């Protein structure tokens, strides 16, 4: 059975990628509907992407610093 920390790290990575995908979908949908540069959907899409990428960055940094237990 995997360690709880490994499960948590994997789930965090999966949800982070999902945030990025949702952000891209928001941007595409907003632009397809004729949204301008300051449209709400465009801004939310950028924020979702930033949140997802930030979580991925932090998750990989913490994983690199974690002590290796064998």
PDB file of N, CA and C in Angstrom:
ATOM      1  N   UNK A   1       0.844  -1.176   0.000  1.00  0.00           N
ATOM      2  CA  UNK A   1       0.000   0.000   0.000  1.00  0.00           C
ATOM      3  C   UNK A   1       0.891   1.242   0.000  1.00  0.00           C
ATOM      4  N   UNK A   2       0.605   2.214  -0.870  1.00  0.00           N
ATOM      5  CA  UNK A   2       1.465   3.406  -0.934  1.00  0.00           C
ATOM      6  C   UNK A   2       1.337   4.257   0.335  1.00  0.00           C
ATOM      7  N   UNK A   3       2.372   5.007   0.586  1.00  0.00           N
ATOM      8  CA  UNK A   3       2.368   5.895   1.743  1.00  0.00           C
ATOM      9  C   UNK A   3       1.325   6.995   1.546  1.00  0.00           C
ATOM     10  N   UNK A   4       0.703   7.452   2.633  1.00  0.00           N
ATOM     11  CA  UNK A   4      -0.285   8.527   2.507  1.00  0.00           C
ATOM     12  C   UNK A   4       0.291   9.794   1.885  1.00  0.00           C
ATOM     13  N   UNK A   5       1.547  10.089   2.181  1.00  0.00           N
ATOM     14  CA  UNK A   5       2.165  11.293   1.618  1.00  0.00           C
ATOM     15  C   UNK A   5       2.310  11.177   0.105  1.00  0.00           C
ATOM     16  N   UNK A   6       2.634   9.988  -0.385  1.00  0.00           N
ATOM     17  CA  UNK A   6       2.764   9.774  -1.825  1.00  0.00           C
ATOM     18  C   UNK A   6       1.400   9.886  -2.509  1.00  0.00           C
ATOM     19  N   UNK A   7       0.372   9.370  -1.852  1.00  0.00           N
ATOM     20  CA  UNK A   7      -0.985   9.487  -2.406  1.00  0.00           C
ATOM     21  C   UNK A   7      -1.390  10.950  -2.450  1.00  0.00           C
ATOM     22  N   UNK A   8      -1.105  11.687  -1.390  1.00  0.00           N
ATOM     23  CA  UNK A   8      -1.436  13.111  -1.341  1.00  0.00           C
ATOM     24  C   UNK A   8      -0.706  13.880  -2.430  1.00  0.00           C
ATOM     25  N   UNK A   9       0.575  13.588  -2.604  1.00  0.00           N
ATOM     26  CA  UNK A   9       1.373  14.281  -3.616  1.00  0.00           C
ATOM     27  C   UNK A   9       0.847  13.977  -5.023  1.00  0.00           C
ATOM     28  N   UNK A  10       0.478  12.734  -5.269  1.00  0.00           N
ATOM     29  CA  UNK A  10      -0.056  12.360  -6.567  1.00  0.00           C
ATOM     30  C   UNK A  10      -1.409  12.995  -6.846  1.00  0.00           C
ATOM     31  N   UNK A  11      -2.258  13.028  -5.834  1.00  0.00           N
ATOM     32  CA  UNK A  11      -3.565  13.651  -5.986  1.00  0.00           C
ATOM     33  C   UNK A  11      -3.437  15.151  -6.205  1.00  0.00           C
ATOM     34  N   UNK A  12      -2.516  15.783  -5.497  1.00  0.00           N
ATOM     35  CA  UNK A  12      -2.285  17.212  -5.686  1.00  0.00           C
ATOM     36  C   UNK A  12      -1.827  17.493  -7.115  1.00  0.00           C
ATOM     37  N   UNK A  13      -0.954  16.670  -7.637  1.00  0.00           N
ATOM     38  CA  UNK A  13      -0.493  16.843  -9.015  1.00  0.00           C
ATOM     39  C   UNK A  13      -1.621  16.670 -10.013  1.00  0.00           C
ATOM     40  N   UNK A  14      -2.457  15.673  -9.795  1.00  0.00           N
ATOM     41  CA  UNK A  14      -3.580  15.420 -10.692  1.00  0.00           C
ATOM     42  C   UNK A  14      -4.567  16.587 -10.685  1.00  0.00           C
ATOM     43  N   UNK A  15      -4.906  17.088  -9.511  1.00  0.00           N
ATOM     44  CA  UNK A  15      -5.829  18.212  -9.421  1.00  0.00           C
ATOM     45  C   UNK A  15      -5.216  19.495  -9.990  1.00  0.00           C
ATOM     46  N   UNK A  16      -3.919  19.641  -9.869  1.00  0.00           N
ATOM     47  CA  UNK A  16      -3.249  20.807 -10.436  1.00  0.00           C
ATOM     48  C   UNK A  16      -3.324  20.794 -11.964  1.00  0.00           C
ATOM     49  N   UNK A  17      -3.103  19.627 -12.551  1.00  0.00           N
ATOM     50  CA  UNK A  17      -3.216  19.504 -14.005  1.00  0.00           C
ATOM     51  C   UNK A  17      -4.658  19.773 -14.430  1.00  0.00           C
ATOM     52  N   UNK A  18      -5.606  19.311 -13.637  1.00  0.00           N
ATOM     53  CA  UNK A  18      -7.018  19.557 -13.930  1.00  0.00           C
ATOM     54  C   UNK A  18      -7.333  21.051 -13.894  1.00  0.00           C
ATOM     55  N   UNK A  19      -6.744  21.786 -12.953  1.00  0.00           N
ATOM     56  CA  UNK A  19      -6.930  23.238 -12.905  1.00  0.00           C
ATOM     57  C   UNK A  19      -6.417  23.899 -14.182  1.00  0.00           C
ATOM     58  N   UNK A  20      -5.272  23.464 -14.668  1.00  0.00           N
ATOM     59  CA  UNK A  20      -4.722  24.031 -15.900  1.00  0.00           C
ATOM     60  C   UNK A  20      -5.640  23.732 -17.080  1.00  0.00           C
ATOM     61  N   UNK A  21      -6.150  22.515 -17.165  1.00  0.00           N
ATOM     62  CA  UNK A  21      -7.040  22.141 -18.263  1.00  0.00           C
ATOM     63  C   UNK A  21      -8.330  22.962 -18.217  1.00  0.00           C
ATOM     64  N   UNK A  22      -8.884  23.146 -17.020  1.00  0.00           N
ATOM     65  CA  UNK A  22     -10.089  23.960 -16.886  1.00  0.00           C
ATOM     66  C   UNK A  22      -9.811  25.402 -17.288  1.00  0.00           C
ATOM     67  N   UNK A  23      -8.651  25.917 -16.912  1.00  0.00           N
ATOM     68  CA  UNK A  23      -8.277  27.278 -17.296  1.00  0.00           C
ATOM     69  C   UNK A  23      -8.184  27.449 -18.801  1.00  0.00           C
ATOM     70  N   UNK A  24      -7.577  26.492 -19.472  1.00  0.00           N
ATOM     71  CA  UNK A  24      -7.480  26.550 -20.939  1.00  0.00           C
ATOM     72  C   UNK A  24      -8.871  26.481 -21.554  1.00  0.00           C
ATOM     73  N   UNK A  25      -9.724  25.607 -21.016  1.00  0.00           N
ATOM     74  CA  UNK A  25     -11.085  25.483 -21.534  1.00  0.00           C
ATOM     75  C   UNK A  25     -11.859  26.791 -21.347  1.00  0.00           C
ATOM     76  N   UNK A  26     -11.679  27.447 -20.213  1.00  0.00           N
ATOM     77  CA  UNK A  26     -12.340  28.730 -19.981  1.00  0.00           C
ATOM     78  C   UNK A  26     -11.893  29.776 -20.996  1.00  0.00           C
ATOM     79  N   UNK A  27     -10.607  29.819 -21.262  1.00  0.00           N
ATOM     80  CA  UNK A  27     -10.086  30.794 -22.223  1.00  0.00           C
ATOM     81  C   UNK A  27     -10.620  30.506 -23.625  1.00  0.00           C
ATOM     82  N   UNK A  28     -10.569  29.250 -24.036  1.00  0.00           N
ATOM     83  CA  UNK A  28     -11.054  28.878 -25.378  1.00  0.00           C
ATOM     84  C   UNK A  28     -12.531  29.195 -25.512  1.00  0.00           C
ATOM     85  N   UNK A  29     -13.313  28.845 -24.496  1.00  0.00           N
ATOM     86  CA  UNK A  29     -14.756  29.091 -24.546  1.00  0.00           C
ATOM     87  C   UNK A  29     -15.057  30.585 -24.598  1.00  0.00           C
ATOM     88  N   UNK A  30     -14.341  31.371 -23.826  1.00  0.00           N
ATOM     89  CA  UNK A  30     -14.567  32.810 -23.801  1.00  0.00           C
ATOM     90  C   UNK A  30     -14.212  33.445 -25.143  1.00  0.00           C
ATOM     91  N   UNK A  31     -13.077  33.051 -25.703  1.00  0.00           N
ATOM     92  CA  UNK A  31     -12.673  33.613 -26.993  1.00  0.00           C
ATOM     93  C   UNK A  31     -13.602  33.155 -28.110  1.00  0.00           C
ATOM     94  N   UNK A  32     -14.099  31.929 -28.036  1.00  0.00           N
ATOM     95  CA  UNK A  32     -15.027  31.431 -29.052  1.00  0.00           C
ATOM     96  C   UNK A  32     -16.361  32.168 -28.992  1.00  0.00           C
ATOM     97  N   UNK A  33     -16.740  32.639 -27.794  1.00  0.00           N
ATOM     98  CA  UNK A  33     -17.997  33.366 -27.636  1.00  0.00           C
ATOM     99  C   UNK A  33     -17.832  34.849 -27.945  1.00  0.00           C
ATOM    100  N   UNK A  34     -16.631  35.266 -28.314  1.00  0.00           N
ATOM    101  CA  UNK A  34     -16.391  36.658 -28.690  1.00  0.00           C
ATOM    102  C   UNK A  34     -15.992  37.553 -27.535  1.00  0.00           C
ATOM    103  N   UNK A  35     -15.451  36.966 -26.478  1.00  0.00           N
ATOM    104  CA  UNK A  35     -15.023  37.758 -25.321  1.00  0.00           C
ATOM    105  C   UNK A  35     -13.813  38.616 -25.647  1.00  0.00           C
ATOM    106  N   UNK A  36     -13.757  39.774 -25.033  1.00  0.00           N
ATOM    107  CA  UNK A  36     -12.644  40.693 -25.248  1.00  0.00           C
ATOM    108  C   UNK A  36     -11.478  40.389 -24.334  1.00  0.00           C
ATOM    109  N   UNK A  37     -10.521  41.315 -24.319  1.00  0.00           N
ATOM    110  CA  UNK A  37      -9.285  41.122 -23.574  1.00  0.00           C
ATOM    111  C   UNK A  37      -9.522  41.106 -22.060  1.00  0.00           C
ATOM    112  N   UNK A  38     -10.566  41.790 -21.588  1.00  0.00           N
ATOM    113  CA  UNK A  38     -10.835  41.833 -20.154  1.00  0.00           C
ATOM    114  C   UNK A  38     -12.110  41.081 -19.789  1.00  0.00           C
ATOM    115  N   UNK A  39     -12.487  40.115 -20.599  1.00  0.00           N
ATOM    116  CA  UNK A  39     -13.679  39.318 -20.315  1.00  0.00           C
ATOM    117  C   UNK A  39     -13.462  38.497 -19.043  1.00  0.00           C
ATOM    118  N   UNK A  40     -14.544  38.306 -18.303  1.00  0.00           N
ATOM    119  CA  UNK A  40     -14.471  37.581 -17.039  1.00  0.00           C
ATOM    120  C   UNK A  40     -13.925  36.163 -17.229  1.00  0.00           C
ATOM    121  N   UNK A  41     -14.386  35.464 -18.247  1.00  0.00           N
ATOM    122  CA  UNK A  41     -13.933  34.100 -18.499  1.00  0.00           C
ATOM    123  C   UNK A  41     -12.450  34.034 -18.825  1.00  0.00           C
ATOM    124  N   UNK A  42     -11.964  35.032 -19.533  1.00  0.00           N
ATOM    125  CA  UNK A  42     -10.539  35.077 -19.867  1.00  0.00           C
ATOM    126  C   UNK A  42      -9.701  35.287 -18.605  1.00  0.00           C
ATOM    127  N   UNK A  43     -10.135  36.208 -17.774  1.00  0.00           N
ATOM    128  CA  UNK A  43      -9.403  36.463 -16.531  1.00  0.00           C
ATOM    129  C   UNK A  43      -9.436  35.240 -15.610  1.00  0.00           C
ATOM    130  N   UNK A  44     -10.594  34.603 -15.507  1.00  0.00           N
ATOM    131  CA  UNK A  44     -10.694  33.404 -14.667  1.00  0.00           C
ATOM    132  C   UNK A  44      -9.831  32.277 -15.226  1.00  0.00           C
ATOM    133  N   UNK A  45      -9.792  32.136 -16.546  1.00  0.00           N
ATOM    134  CA  UNK A  45      -8.955  31.120 -17.160  1.00  0.00           C
ATOM    135  C   UNK A  45      -7.488  31.317 -16.840  1.00  0.00           C
ATOM    136  N   UNK A  46      -7.038  32.564 -16.930  1.00  0.00           N
ATOM    137  CA  UNK A  46      -5.641  32.871 -16.609  1.00  0.00           C
ATOM    138  C   UNK A  46      -5.361  32.573 -15.137  1.00  0.00           C
ATOM    139  N   UNK A  47      -6.299  32.896 -14.266  1.00  0.00           N
ATOM    140  CA  UNK A  47      -6.101  32.630 -12.839  1.00  0.00           C
ATOM    141  C   UNK A  47      -6.090  31.128 -12.538  1.00  0.00           C
ATOM    142  N   UNK A  48      -6.948  30.369 -13.217  1.00  0.00           N
ATOM    143  CA  UNK A  48      -6.943  28.917 -13.028  1.00  0.00           C
ATOM    144  C   UNK A  48      -5.609  28.319 -13.478  1.00  0.00           C
ATOM    145  N   UNK A  49      -5.124  28.775 -14.619  1.00  0.00           N
ATOM    146  CA  UNK A  49      -3.839  28.277 -15.124  1.00  0.00           C
ATOM    147  C   UNK A  49      -2.710  28.636 -14.162  1.00  0.00           C
ATOM    148  N   UNK A  50      -2.719  29.877 -13.664  1.00  0.00           N
ATOM    149  CA  UNK A  50      -1.674  30.299 -12.724  1.00  0.00           C
ATOM    150  C   UNK A  50      -1.733  29.483 -11.439  1.00  0.00           C
ATOM    151  N   UNK A  51      -2.934  29.220 -10.943  1.00  0.00           N
ATOM    152  CA  UNK A  51      -3.072  28.420  -9.718  1.00  0.00           C
ATOM    153  C   UNK A  51      -2.573  26.998  -9.945  1.00  0.00           C
ATOM    154  N   UNK A  52      -2.942  26.394 -11.067  1.00  0.00           N
ATOM    155  CA  UNK A  52      -2.513  25.029 -11.360  1.00  0.00           C
ATOM    156  C   UNK A  52      -1.012  24.927 -11.523  1.00  0.00           C
ATOM    157  N   UNK A  53      -0.431  25.860 -12.281  1.00  0.00           N
ATOM    158  CA  UNK A  53       1.018  25.828 -12.480  1.00  0.00           C
ATOM    159  C   UNK A  53       1.773  26.124 -11.186  1.00  0.00           C
ATOM    160  N   UNK A  54       1.222  27.013 -10.364  1.00  0.00           N
ATOM    161  CA  UNK A  54       1.836  27.298  -9.067  1.00  0.00           C
ATOM    162  C   UNK A  54       1.840  26.083  -8.164  1.00  0.00           C
ATOM    163  N   UNK A  55       0.723  25.353  -8.157  1.00  0.00           N
ATOM    164  CA  UNK A  55       0.648  24.139  -7.346  1.00  0.00           C
ATOM    165  C   UNK A  55       1.613  23.070  -7.858  1.00  0.00           C
ATOM    166  N   UNK A  56       1.722  22.953  -9.181  1.00  0.00           N
ATOM    167  CA  UNK A  56       2.661  21.975  -9.756  1.00  0.00           C
ATOM    168  C   UNK A  56       4.096  22.342  -9.364  1.00  0.00           C
ATOM    169  N   UNK A  57       4.423  23.626  -9.465  1.00  0.00           N
ATOM    170  CA  UNK A  57       5.767  24.090  -9.126  1.00  0.00           C
ATOM    171  C   UNK A  57       6.094  23.792  -7.657  1.00  0.00           C
ATOM    172  N   UNK A  58       5.178  24.154  -6.770  1.00  0.00           N
ATOM    173  CA  UNK A  58       5.408  23.931  -5.340  1.00  0.00           C
ATOM    174  C   UNK A  58       5.482  22.439  -5.032  1.00  0.00           C
ATOM    175  N   UNK A  59       4.606  21.660  -5.653  1.00  0.00           N
ATOM    176  CA  UNK A  59       4.592  20.217  -5.409  1.00  0.00           C
ATOM    177  C   UNK A  59       5.912  19.573  -5.829  1.00  0.00           C
ATOM    178  N   UNK A  60       6.455  19.976  -6.974  1.00  0.00           N
ATOM    179  CA  UNK A  60       7.725  19.397  -7.421  1.00  0.00           C
ATOM    180  C   UNK A  60       8.889  19.879  -6.562  1.00  0.00           C
ATOM    181  N   UNK A  61       8.839  21.128  -6.113  1.00  0.00           N
ATOM    182  CA  UNK A  61       9.904  21.638  -5.238  1.00  0.00           C
ATOM    183  C   UNK A  61       9.904  20.908  -3.902  1.00  0.00           C
ATOM    184  N   UNK A  62       8.716  20.679  -3.333  1.00  0.00           N
ATOM    185  CA  UNK A  62       8.637  19.974  -2.061  1.00  0.00           C
ATOM    186  C   UNK A  62       9.030  18.512  -2.207  1.00  0.00           C
ATOM    187  N   UNK A  63       8.690  17.912  -3.336  1.00  0.00           N
ATOM    188  CA  UNK A  63       9.053  16.509  -3.566  1.00  0.00           C
ATOM    189  C   UNK A  63      10.573  16.370  -3.672  1.00  0.00           C
ATOM    190  N   UNK A  64      11.229  17.358  -4.259  1.00  0.00           N
ATOM    191  CA  UNK A  64      12.682  17.297  -4.407  1.00  0.00           C
ATOM    192  C   UNK A  64      13.382  17.480  -3.050  1.00  0.00           C
ATOM    193  N   UNK A  65      12.751  18.202  -2.138  1.00  0.00           N
ATOM    194  CA  UNK A  65      13.367  18.460  -0.843  1.00  0.00           C
ATOM    195  C   UNK A  65      13.074  17.374   0.179  1.00  0.00           C
ATOM    196  N   UNK A  66      12.032  16.558  -0.071  1.00  0.00           N
ATOM    197  CA  UNK A  66      11.623  15.536   0.891  1.00  0.00           C
ATOM    198  C   UNK A  66      12.726  14.490   1.057  1.00  0.00           C
ATOM    199  N   UNK A  67      12.951  14.061   2.280  1.00  0.00           N
ATOM    200  CA  UNK A  67      13.960  13.003   2.479  1.00  0.00           C
ATOM    201  C   UNK A  67      13.489  11.699   1.869  1.00  0.00           C
ATOM    202  N   UNK A  68      14.395  11.004   1.283  1.00  0.00           N
ATOM    203  CA  UNK A  68      14.093   9.728   0.641  1.00  0.00           C
ATOM    204  C   UNK A  68      14.089   8.626   1.703  1.00  0.00           C
ATOM    205  N   UNK A  69      12.929   8.022   1.894  1.00  0.00           N
ATOM    206  CA  UNK A  69      12.817   6.925   2.848  1.00  0.00           C
ATOM    207  C   UNK A  69      12.770   5.609   2.099  1.00  0.00           C
ATOM    208  N   UNK A  70      13.596   4.670   2.511  1.00  0.00           N
ATOM    209  CA  UNK A  70      13.642   3.370   1.828  1.00  0.00           C
ATOM    210  C   UNK A  70      13.405   2.268   2.799  1.00  0.00           C
TER     211      UNK A  70
END
